[in-house]
């Protein structure tokens, strides 16, 4: 258990950030699933529109420090290639 006031504050803050980061991570994964579902259905137009939304959400998560830049860049690239292959 934390003894210092600052350590107690950090525990509270870290718990709040964990909730926020978890929600953001979940949101990004949901957007990725929507794009993959559109690709699986073979709907290029829907896949393209959902991809644009998903890409901006992915990059926002990178800016917020939830995901690493290389990870999201790799995912964006792979989704883009799948859409182009339709």
Protein backbone atom coordinates (compact mmCIF):
# COMPACT_ATOMS: atom_id res chain seq x y z
CA UNK A 1 0.00 0.00 0.00
CA UNK A 2 1.19 3.49 -0.85
CA UNK A 3 2.36 5.63 2.05
CA UNK A 4 3.07 8.97 0.35
CA UNK A 5 0.36 11.31 -0.82
CA UNK A 6 1.87 11.47 -4.31
CA UNK A 7 1.96 7.67 -4.56
CA UNK A 8 -1.70 7.47 -3.57
CA UNK A 9 -2.51 10.10 -6.20
CA UNK A 10 -0.65 8.12 -8.84
CA UNK A 11 -2.64 4.97 -8.02
CA UNK A 12 -5.90 6.87 -8.53
CA UNK A 13 -4.65 8.47 -11.73
CA UNK A 14 -3.30 5.21 -13.13
CA UNK A 15 -6.62 3.48 -12.54
CA UNK A 16 -8.48 6.27 -14.36
CA UNK A 17 -6.06 6.14 -17.29
CA UNK A 18 -6.32 2.34 -17.47
CA UNK A 19 -10.08 2.63 -17.92
CA UNK A 20 -9.74 5.33 -20.57
CA UNK A 21 -6.98 3.48 -22.44
CA UNK A 22 -8.95 0.23 -22.31
CA UNK A 23 -11.97 1.92 -23.83
CA UNK A 24 -9.86 3.48 -26.56
CA UNK A 25 -8.15 0.15 -27.32
CA UNK A 26 -11.54 -1.57 -27.53
CA UNK A 27 -12.88 1.17 -29.82
CA UNK A 28 -9.97 0.76 -32.23
CA UNK A 29 -10.40 -3.02 -32.31
CA UNK A 30 -14.11 -2.60 -33.05
CA UNK A 31 -13.37 -0.32 -36.00
CA UNK A 32 -10.83 -2.81 -37.35
CA UNK A 33 -13.40 -5.61 -37.10
CA UNK A 34 -15.92 -3.52 -39.05
CA UNK A 35 -13.41 -3.03 -41.87
CA UNK A 36 -12.51 -6.73 -41.90
CA UNK A 37 -16.22 -7.66 -41.99
CA UNK A 38 -16.76 -5.39 -45.00
CA UNK A 39 -13.74 -6.95 -46.72
CA UNK A 40 -15.03 -10.46 -46.00
CA UNK A 41 -18.41 -9.48 -47.46
CA UNK A 42 -16.64 -8.23 -50.59
CA UNK A 43 -18.12 -4.74 -50.35
CA UNK A 44 -15.31 -2.47 -51.50
CA UNK A 45 -17.26 0.76 -51.09
CA UNK A 46 -18.26 -0.01 -47.49
CA UNK A 47 -14.75 -1.24 -46.72
CA UNK A 48 -13.25 2.01 -48.03
CA UNK A 49 -15.54 4.26 -46.01
CA UNK A 50 -15.12 2.27 -42.80
CA UNK A 51 -11.36 2.12 -43.40
CA UNK A 52 -11.08 5.91 -43.49
CA UNK A 53 -12.87 6.20 -40.15
CA UNK A 54 -10.86 3.34 -38.65
CA UNK A 55 -7.56 4.79 -39.82
CA UNK A 56 -8.18 8.13 -38.13
CA UNK A 57 -9.22 6.35 -34.93
CA UNK A 58 -6.09 4.18 -35.06
CA UNK A 59 -3.81 7.17 -35.48
CA UNK A 60 -5.59 9.00 -32.64
CA UNK A 61 -4.86 6.01 -30.39
CA UNK A 62 -1.20 6.25 -31.42
CA UNK A 63 -1.10 9.95 -30.54
CA UNK A 64 -2.63 9.18 -27.15
CA UNK A 65 0.01 6.53 -26.50
CA UNK A 66 -2.32 3.52 -26.41
CA UNK A 67 -0.66 1.72 -29.34
CA UNK A 68 2.80 1.92 -30.88
CA UNK A 69 3.13 3.76 -34.20
CA UNK A 70 4.68 0.82 -36.03
CA UNK A 71 1.90 -1.52 -34.91
CA UNK A 72 -0.87 0.71 -36.22
CA UNK A 73 1.04 1.54 -39.40
CA UNK A 74 1.38 -2.18 -40.08
CA UNK A 75 -2.34 -2.76 -39.48
CA UNK A 76 -3.30 0.19 -41.71
CA UNK A 77 -1.04 -1.09 -44.45
CA UNK A 78 -2.41 -4.63 -44.31
CA UNK A 79 -6.03 -3.45 -44.33
CA UNK A 80 -5.27 -1.12 -47.24
CA UNK A 81 -3.76 -3.96 -49.25
CA UNK A 82 -6.77 -6.17 -48.58
CA UNK A 83 -9.14 -3.42 -49.76
CA UNK A 84 -7.11 -2.83 -52.92
CA UNK A 85 -7.23 -6.56 -53.67
CA UNK A 86 -11.06 -6.52 -53.75
